[in-house]
């Protein structure tokens, strides 16, 4: 059980598709990341208002201070937090669309 926890220390490591999508996003060019942010931000229509408020607290807390690959970009923080707070079905659906868009470089 301990080994499994070590393998899944990030919230998105639990879903292989979500993990692959975010890893591919991390390795993408700055231009691709710009397009991906807009794509992911479309999730905010599906996420409740209290989650949005929590996301702004996260942005304030981590922007430029965190160790995550996206902590230097407040819009990317917002996009990733929206994805993190979405229900698993929405996460998976968004991850599949993001993977396809990143692989085809077609947003």
N, C-alpha and C. Protein backbone atom coordinates (compact mmCIF):
# COMPACT_ATOMS: atom_id res chain seq x y z
N UNK A 1 0.82 -1.19 0.00
CA UNK A 1 0.00 0.00 0.00
C UNK A 1 0.86 1.25 0.00
N UNK A 2 1.97 1.24 0.73
CA UNK A 2 2.87 2.39 0.78
C UNK A 2 3.45 2.72 -0.60
N UNK A 3 3.83 1.69 -1.36
CA UNK A 3 4.38 1.91 -2.69
C UNK A 3 3.38 2.62 -3.58
N UNK A 4 2.11 2.26 -3.47
CA UNK A 4 1.06 2.88 -4.27
C UNK A 4 0.94 4.37 -3.94
N UNK A 5 1.05 4.73 -2.65
CA UNK A 5 0.99 6.13 -2.26
C UNK A 5 2.15 6.91 -2.86
N UNK A 6 3.33 6.31 -2.88
CA UNK A 6 4.50 6.98 -3.44
C UNK A 6 4.32 7.24 -4.94
N UNK A 7 3.65 6.31 -5.62
CA UNK A 7 3.43 6.45 -7.05
C UNK A 7 2.37 7.50 -7.35
N UNK A 8 1.46 7.73 -6.42
CA UNK A 8 0.33 8.63 -6.65
C UNK A 8 0.39 9.84 -5.72
N UNK A 9 1.51 10.55 -5.69
CA UNK A 9 1.60 11.66 -4.76
C UNK A 9 0.96 12.94 -5.29
N UNK A 10 0.75 13.05 -6.59
CA UNK A 10 0.07 14.21 -7.15
C UNK A 10 -1.38 13.84 -7.41
N UNK A 11 -2.28 14.80 -7.31
CA UNK A 11 -3.71 14.53 -7.44
C UNK A 11 -4.05 13.89 -8.77
N UNK A 12 -3.31 14.20 -9.83
CA UNK A 12 -3.67 13.68 -11.15
C UNK A 12 -2.98 12.37 -11.49
N UNK A 13 -2.14 11.86 -10.61
CA UNK A 13 -1.46 10.59 -10.85
C UNK A 13 -2.41 9.40 -10.78
N UNK A 14 -3.58 9.59 -10.17
CA UNK A 14 -4.52 8.48 -10.00
C UNK A 14 -5.15 8.04 -11.31
N UNK A 15 -5.24 8.95 -12.27
CA UNK A 15 -5.88 8.64 -13.55
C UNK A 15 -4.80 8.70 -14.63
N UNK A 16 -4.49 7.59 -15.28
CA UNK A 16 -3.39 7.56 -16.26
C UNK A 16 -3.60 8.53 -17.43
N UNK A 17 -4.83 8.74 -17.83
CA UNK A 17 -5.08 9.66 -18.95
C UNK A 17 -4.84 11.10 -18.50
N UNK A 18 -5.33 11.44 -17.33
CA UNK A 18 -5.12 12.78 -16.78
C UNK A 18 -3.64 13.03 -16.55
N UNK A 19 -2.96 12.03 -16.02
CA UNK A 19 -1.52 12.14 -15.77
C UNK A 19 -0.77 12.38 -17.09
N UNK A 20 -1.11 11.62 -18.11
CA UNK A 20 -0.44 11.77 -19.41
C UNK A 20 -0.73 13.14 -20.01
N UNK A 21 -1.97 13.59 -19.91
CA UNK A 21 -2.34 14.89 -20.47
C UNK A 21 -1.57 16.02 -19.79
N UNK A 22 -1.47 15.98 -18.47
CA UNK A 22 -0.77 17.05 -17.76
C UNK A 22 0.74 16.97 -17.97
N UNK A 23 1.25 15.77 -18.11
CA UNK A 23 2.69 15.64 -18.39
C UNK A 23 3.01 16.18 -19.79
N UNK A 24 2.16 15.86 -20.74
CA UNK A 24 2.34 16.37 -22.09
C UNK A 24 2.21 17.90 -22.10
N UNK A 25 1.26 18.41 -21.34
CA UNK A 25 1.09 19.86 -21.23
C UNK A 25 2.33 20.50 -20.63
N UNK A 26 2.87 19.88 -19.60
CA UNK A 26 4.08 20.40 -18.95
C UNK A 26 5.23 20.52 -19.95
N UNK A 27 5.33 19.57 -20.86
CA UNK A 27 6.42 19.53 -21.82
C UNK A 27 6.14 20.33 -23.10
N UNK A 28 4.96 20.92 -23.19
CA UNK A 28 4.55 21.64 -24.39
C UNK A 28 5.28 22.98 -24.52
N UNK A 29 5.21 23.53 -25.72
CA UNK A 29 5.79 24.84 -25.97
C UNK A 29 4.95 25.91 -25.28
N UNK A 30 5.52 27.10 -25.05
CA UNK A 30 4.73 28.18 -24.44
C UNK A 30 3.47 28.50 -25.23
N UNK A 31 3.54 28.46 -26.54
CA UNK A 31 2.37 28.75 -27.37
C UNK A 31 1.29 27.70 -27.18
N UNK A 32 1.69 26.44 -27.13
CA UNK A 32 0.72 25.36 -26.90
C UNK A 32 0.09 25.49 -25.52
N UNK A 33 0.89 25.89 -24.53
CA UNK A 33 0.36 26.09 -23.18
C UNK A 33 -0.68 27.20 -23.16
N UNK A 34 -0.44 28.26 -23.92
CA UNK A 34 -1.42 29.36 -23.99
C UNK A 34 -2.76 28.85 -24.50
N UNK A 35 -2.73 28.07 -25.56
CA UNK A 35 -3.96 27.51 -26.11
C UNK A 35 -4.62 26.53 -25.13
N UNK A 36 -3.79 25.74 -24.47
CA UNK A 36 -4.32 24.75 -23.52
C UNK A 36 -5.00 25.43 -22.34
N UNK A 37 -4.43 26.55 -21.88
CA UNK A 37 -5.05 27.28 -20.76
C UNK A 37 -6.48 27.67 -21.11
N UNK A 38 -6.64 28.25 -22.28
CA UNK A 38 -7.98 28.67 -22.71
C UNK A 38 -8.92 27.47 -22.78
N UNK A 39 -8.41 26.39 -23.30
CA UNK A 39 -9.19 25.16 -23.42
C UNK A 39 -9.65 24.66 -22.04
N UNK A 40 -8.73 24.62 -21.10
CA UNK A 40 -9.05 24.11 -19.76
C UNK A 40 -9.96 25.07 -19.02
N UNK A 41 -9.76 26.37 -19.22
CA UNK A 41 -10.58 27.36 -18.51
C UNK A 41 -12.05 27.27 -18.88
N UNK A 42 -12.36 26.62 -19.97
CA UNK A 42 -13.77 26.43 -20.33
C UNK A 42 -14.49 25.58 -19.29
N UNK A 43 -13.75 24.89 -18.44
CA UNK A 43 -14.33 24.07 -17.38
C UNK A 43 -15.04 24.91 -16.33
N UNK A 44 -14.69 26.19 -16.21
CA UNK A 44 -15.26 26.97 -15.12
C UNK A 44 -16.77 27.06 -15.19
N UNK A 45 -17.33 26.83 -16.35
CA UNK A 45 -18.79 26.80 -16.47
C UNK A 45 -19.38 25.60 -15.74
N UNK A 46 -18.56 24.57 -15.52
CA UNK A 46 -19.04 23.34 -14.89
C UNK A 46 -18.64 23.23 -13.42
N UNK A 47 -17.92 24.23 -12.91
CA UNK A 47 -17.41 24.17 -11.54
C UNK A 47 -18.15 25.20 -10.69
N UNK A 48 -18.52 24.82 -9.49
CA UNK A 48 -19.31 25.70 -8.61
C UNK A 48 -18.54 26.94 -8.17
N UNK A 49 -19.28 27.97 -7.77
CA UNK A 49 -18.72 29.26 -7.37
C UNK A 49 -17.75 29.17 -6.20
N UNK A 50 -18.03 28.33 -5.21
CA UNK A 50 -17.13 28.24 -4.05
C UNK A 50 -15.78 27.65 -4.46
N UNK A 51 -15.78 26.81 -5.46
CA UNK A 51 -14.53 26.26 -5.97
C UNK A 51 -13.71 27.37 -6.63
N UNK A 52 -14.38 28.24 -7.36
CA UNK A 52 -13.69 29.37 -8.01
C UNK A 52 -13.02 30.24 -6.95
N UNK A 53 -13.72 30.51 -5.87
CA UNK A 53 -13.15 31.32 -4.77
C UNK A 53 -11.91 30.63 -4.21
N UNK A 54 -11.99 29.32 -4.00
CA UNK A 54 -10.84 28.55 -3.51
C UNK A 54 -9.66 28.64 -4.48
N UNK A 55 -9.96 28.63 -5.74
CA UNK A 55 -8.90 28.71 -6.76
C UNK A 55 -8.16 30.04 -6.67
N UNK A 56 -8.88 31.12 -6.45
CA UNK A 56 -8.21 32.42 -6.31
C UNK A 56 -7.32 32.46 -5.08
N UNK A 57 -7.72 31.77 -4.02
CA UNK A 57 -6.86 31.67 -2.83
C UNK A 57 -5.58 30.90 -3.18
N UNK A 58 -5.72 29.83 -3.94
CA UNK A 58 -4.56 29.03 -4.36
C UNK A 58 -3.61 29.87 -5.21
N UNK A 59 -4.17 30.64 -6.14
CA UNK A 59 -3.35 31.49 -7.01
C UNK A 59 -2.53 32.45 -6.16
N UNK A 60 -3.18 33.10 -5.19
CA UNK A 60 -2.50 34.04 -4.31
C UNK A 60 -1.40 33.35 -3.52
N UNK A 61 -1.68 32.16 -3.06
CA UNK A 61 -0.73 31.42 -2.24
C UNK A 61 0.50 30.94 -3.02
N UNK A 62 0.30 30.47 -4.25
CA UNK A 62 1.38 29.81 -4.97
C UNK A 62 2.02 30.60 -6.10
N UNK A 63 1.38 31.62 -6.62
CA UNK A 63 1.91 32.31 -7.80
C UNK A 63 3.34 32.77 -7.56
N UNK A 64 4.24 32.22 -8.34
CA UNK A 64 5.66 32.58 -8.27
C UNK A 64 6.39 32.03 -7.07
N UNK A 65 5.68 31.30 -6.20
CA UNK A 65 6.30 30.81 -4.96
C UNK A 65 6.36 29.29 -4.88
N UNK A 66 5.57 28.62 -5.66
CA UNK A 66 5.48 27.17 -5.56
C UNK A 66 6.54 26.45 -6.37
N UNK A 67 6.57 25.15 -6.21
CA UNK A 67 7.54 24.31 -6.91
C UNK A 67 6.96 23.61 -8.13
N UNK A 68 5.66 23.76 -8.33
CA UNK A 68 5.04 23.06 -9.45
C UNK A 68 5.38 23.77 -10.76
N UNK A 69 5.38 23.03 -11.85
CA UNK A 69 5.80 23.58 -13.14
C UNK A 69 4.92 24.72 -13.60
N UNK A 70 3.73 24.84 -13.10
CA UNK A 70 2.80 25.87 -13.56
C UNK A 70 2.64 27.03 -12.58
N UNK A 71 3.38 27.06 -11.49
CA UNK A 71 3.21 28.08 -10.45
C UNK A 71 3.64 29.49 -10.85
N UNK A 72 4.35 29.64 -11.94
CA UNK A 72 4.77 30.98 -12.37
C UNK A 72 3.73 31.67 -13.23
N UNK A 73 2.69 30.99 -13.59
CA UNK A 73 1.68 31.53 -14.49
C UNK A 73 0.32 31.48 -13.81
N UNK A 74 -0.22 32.64 -13.38
CA UNK A 74 -1.49 32.63 -12.64
C UNK A 74 -2.67 32.06 -13.43
N UNK A 75 -2.67 32.23 -14.73
CA UNK A 75 -3.76 31.69 -15.54
C UNK A 75 -3.65 30.17 -15.63
N UNK A 76 -2.43 29.66 -15.74
CA UNK A 76 -2.24 28.21 -15.76
C UNK A 76 -2.59 27.62 -14.40
N UNK A 77 -2.25 28.31 -13.31
CA UNK A 77 -2.65 27.83 -11.98
C UNK A 77 -4.17 27.69 -11.94
N UNK A 78 -4.87 28.72 -12.41
CA UNK A 78 -6.33 28.70 -12.41
C UNK A 78 -6.85 27.53 -13.25
N UNK A 79 -6.28 27.36 -14.43
CA UNK A 79 -6.72 26.28 -15.32
C UNK A 79 -6.52 24.91 -14.68
N UNK A 80 -5.35 24.69 -14.11
CA UNK A 80 -5.05 23.39 -13.50
C UNK A 80 -5.91 23.16 -12.27
N UNK A 81 -6.13 24.20 -11.46
CA UNK A 81 -6.97 24.06 -10.28
C UNK A 81 -8.43 23.79 -10.66
N UNK A 82 -8.90 24.40 -11.73
CA UNK A 82 -10.24 24.09 -12.22
C UNK A 82 -10.33 22.61 -12.58
N UNK A 83 -9.32 22.14 -13.26
CA UNK A 83 -9.29 20.73 -13.64
C UNK A 83 -9.24 19.84 -12.41
N UNK A 84 -8.42 20.22 -11.45
CA UNK A 84 -8.26 19.43 -10.22
C UNK A 84 -9.57 19.34 -9.44
N UNK A 85 -10.34 20.42 -9.44
CA UNK A 85 -11.57 20.47 -8.65
C UNK A 85 -12.80 19.96 -9.40
N UNK A 86 -12.65 19.65 -10.65
CA UNK A 86 -13.76 19.10 -11.42
C UNK A 86 -14.01 17.66 -10.97
N UNK A 87 -15.21 17.17 -11.23
CA UNK A 87 -15.50 15.78 -10.88
C UNK A 87 -14.67 14.86 -11.78
N UNK A 88 -14.42 13.63 -11.34
CA UNK A 88 -13.56 12.70 -12.10
C UNK A 88 -14.00 12.50 -13.55
N UNK A 89 -15.30 12.45 -13.79
CA UNK A 89 -15.78 12.25 -15.16
C UNK A 89 -15.39 13.45 -16.04
N UNK A 90 -15.54 14.66 -15.52
CA UNK A 90 -15.16 15.86 -16.27
C UNK A 90 -13.66 15.93 -16.45
N UNK A 91 -12.90 15.55 -15.42
CA UNK A 91 -11.43 15.52 -15.52
C UNK A 91 -10.99 14.62 -16.67
N UNK A 92 -11.56 13.43 -16.70
CA UNK A 92 -11.17 12.44 -17.71
C UNK A 92 -11.53 12.92 -19.11
N UNK A 93 -12.74 13.46 -19.24
CA UNK A 93 -13.20 13.96 -20.53
C UNK A 93 -12.29 15.10 -21.01
N UNK A 94 -11.98 16.03 -20.10
CA UNK A 94 -11.10 17.15 -20.45
C UNK A 94 -9.70 16.65 -20.79
N UNK A 95 -9.22 15.68 -20.03
CA UNK A 95 -7.88 15.14 -20.27
C UNK A 95 -7.80 14.48 -21.64
N UNK A 96 -8.83 13.73 -22.02
CA UNK A 96 -8.84 13.09 -23.34
C UNK A 96 -8.82 14.15 -24.46
N UNK A 97 -9.66 15.18 -24.30
CA UNK A 97 -9.69 16.24 -25.30
C UNK A 97 -8.36 16.99 -25.34
N UNK A 98 -7.79 17.25 -24.17
CA UNK A 98 -6.50 17.94 -24.10
C UNK A 98 -5.40 17.12 -24.75
N UNK A 99 -5.38 15.82 -24.47
CA UNK A 99 -4.38 14.94 -25.08
C UNK A 99 -4.47 14.98 -26.60
N UNK A 100 -5.68 14.84 -27.11
CA UNK A 100 -5.86 14.87 -28.56
C UNK A 100 -5.41 16.21 -29.14
N UNK A 101 -5.80 17.29 -28.50
CA UNK A 101 -5.44 18.62 -28.99
C UNK A 101 -3.93 18.83 -28.95
N UNK A 102 -3.28 18.40 -27.86
CA UNK A 102 -1.83 18.57 -27.75
C UNK A 102 -1.09 17.71 -28.78
N UNK A 103 -1.56 16.48 -28.95
CA UNK A 103 -0.90 15.59 -29.90
C UNK A 103 -1.07 16.07 -31.34
N UNK A 104 -2.23 16.63 -31.63
CA UNK A 104 -2.48 17.10 -32.98
C UNK A 104 -2.12 18.58 -33.16
N UNK A 105 -1.74 19.22 -32.03
CA UNK A 105 -1.45 20.66 -32.01
C UNK A 105 -2.61 21.43 -32.63
N UNK A 106 -3.81 21.02 -32.21
CA UNK A 106 -5.03 21.58 -32.77
C UNK A 106 -5.98 21.93 -31.64
N UNK A 107 -6.02 23.21 -31.27
CA UNK A 107 -6.91 23.64 -30.19
C UNK A 107 -8.15 24.25 -30.76
